[in-house]
Amino acid sequence: MLPPVPPIAVSRPLLFGLVAVGAIVAVATAQPTSSFAAGFAAGAGSAFVVSFMKTPRHDRGSDGDRPAGDGA
């Protein structure tokens, strides 16, 4: 039995770019290519959403490196 393949880490900006390119191609091209690009954008968009659900974002206001107050 083969071992499971680990997931590939993909950056969120790359996924966002794939969604944007797919959406633009879906609007700008004829029917066969348009349908493929729309499905491609939907798939990349769902991977984008799942990546946000899997890894929670850190609260940017609670950095331990920042000094409290205005520094005075």
Protein backbone atom coordinates (compact mmCIF):
# COMPACT_ATOMS: atom_id res chain seq x y z
CA MET A 1 0.00 0.00 0.00
CA LEU A 2 1.34 3.42 -0.94
CA PRO A 3 1.77 6.12 1.73
CA PRO A 4 -0.55 9.14 1.45
CA VAL A 5 0.78 12.10 -0.50
CA PRO A 6 1.28 15.19 1.69
CA PRO A 7 -0.62 18.32 0.63
CA ILE A 8 1.24 20.95 -1.37
CA ALA A 9 1.49 24.35 0.27
CA VAL A 10 0.30 27.06 -2.12
CA SER A 11 0.45 30.73 -1.31
CA ARG A 12 -2.76 32.68 -0.96
CA PRO A 13 -1.65 35.44 -3.36
CA LEU A 14 -1.09 32.78 -6.03
CA LEU A 15 -4.58 31.37 -5.48
CA PHE A 16 -6.06 34.87 -5.59
CA GLY A 17 -4.22 35.52 -8.86
CA LEU A 18 -5.58 32.29 -10.35
CA VAL A 19 -9.11 33.32 -9.38
CA ALA A 20 -8.63 36.75 -10.98
CA VAL A 21 -7.14 35.37 -14.21
CA GLY A 22 -9.86 32.73 -14.47
CA ALA A 23 -12.60 35.32 -13.97
CA ILE A 24 -11.13 37.68 -16.58
CA VAL A 25 -10.71 34.89 -19.14
CA ALA A 26 -14.26 33.68 -18.42
CA VAL A 27 -15.64 37.12 -19.25
CA ALA A 28 -13.38 37.91 -22.21
CA THR A 29 -13.47 34.68 -24.25
CA ALA A 30 -15.97 32.61 -26.22
CA GLN A 31 -18.08 29.79 -24.79
CA PRO A 32 -15.85 26.68 -24.59
CA THR A 33 -12.89 28.53 -23.09
CA SER A 34 -15.18 30.70 -20.98
CA SER A 35 -16.76 27.68 -19.30
CA PHE A 36 -13.39 26.13 -18.54
CA ALA A 37 -12.03 29.40 -17.11
CA ALA A 38 -15.12 29.86 -14.94
CA GLY A 39 -14.69 26.36 -13.50
CA PHE A 40 -10.98 26.99 -13.00
CA ALA A 41 -11.71 30.23 -11.11
CA ALA A 42 -14.32 28.47 -8.97
CA GLY A 43 -11.87 25.68 -8.09
CA ALA A 44 -9.07 28.10 -7.22
CA GLY A 45 -11.54 30.21 -5.23
CA SER A 46 -12.67 27.23 -3.19
CA ALA A 47 -9.02 26.32 -2.46
CA PHE A 48 -8.49 29.95 -1.41
CA VAL A 49 -11.41 29.79 1.03
CA VAL A 50 -10.31 26.42 2.42
CA SER A 51 -6.80 27.80 3.01
CA PHE A 52 -8.29 30.57 5.16
CA MET A 53 -10.42 28.09 7.08
CA LYS A 54 -7.49 25.70 7.74
CA THR A 55 -5.00 28.30 9.01
CA PRO A 56 -6.47 31.00 11.26
CA ARG A 57 -5.21 34.53 10.85
CA HIS A 58 -3.40 36.12 13.76
CA ASP A 59 -4.76 39.30 15.29
CA ARG A 60 -2.51 42.03 13.94
CA GLY A 61 -3.20 44.32 16.88
CA SER A 62 -1.82 41.90 19.48
CA ASP A 63 1.82 41.69 18.36
CA GLY A 64 4.17 41.17 21.29
CA ASP A 65 6.91 43.14 19.50
CA ARG A 66 5.06 46.42 19.51
CA PRO A 67 5.48 48.76 22.45
CA ALA A 68 2.36 49.72 24.39
CA GLY A 69 1.06 53.25 23.96
CA ASP A 70 2.65 55.88 21.76
CA GLY A 71 6.21 55.13 22.81
CA ALA A 72 6.61 58.16 25.08
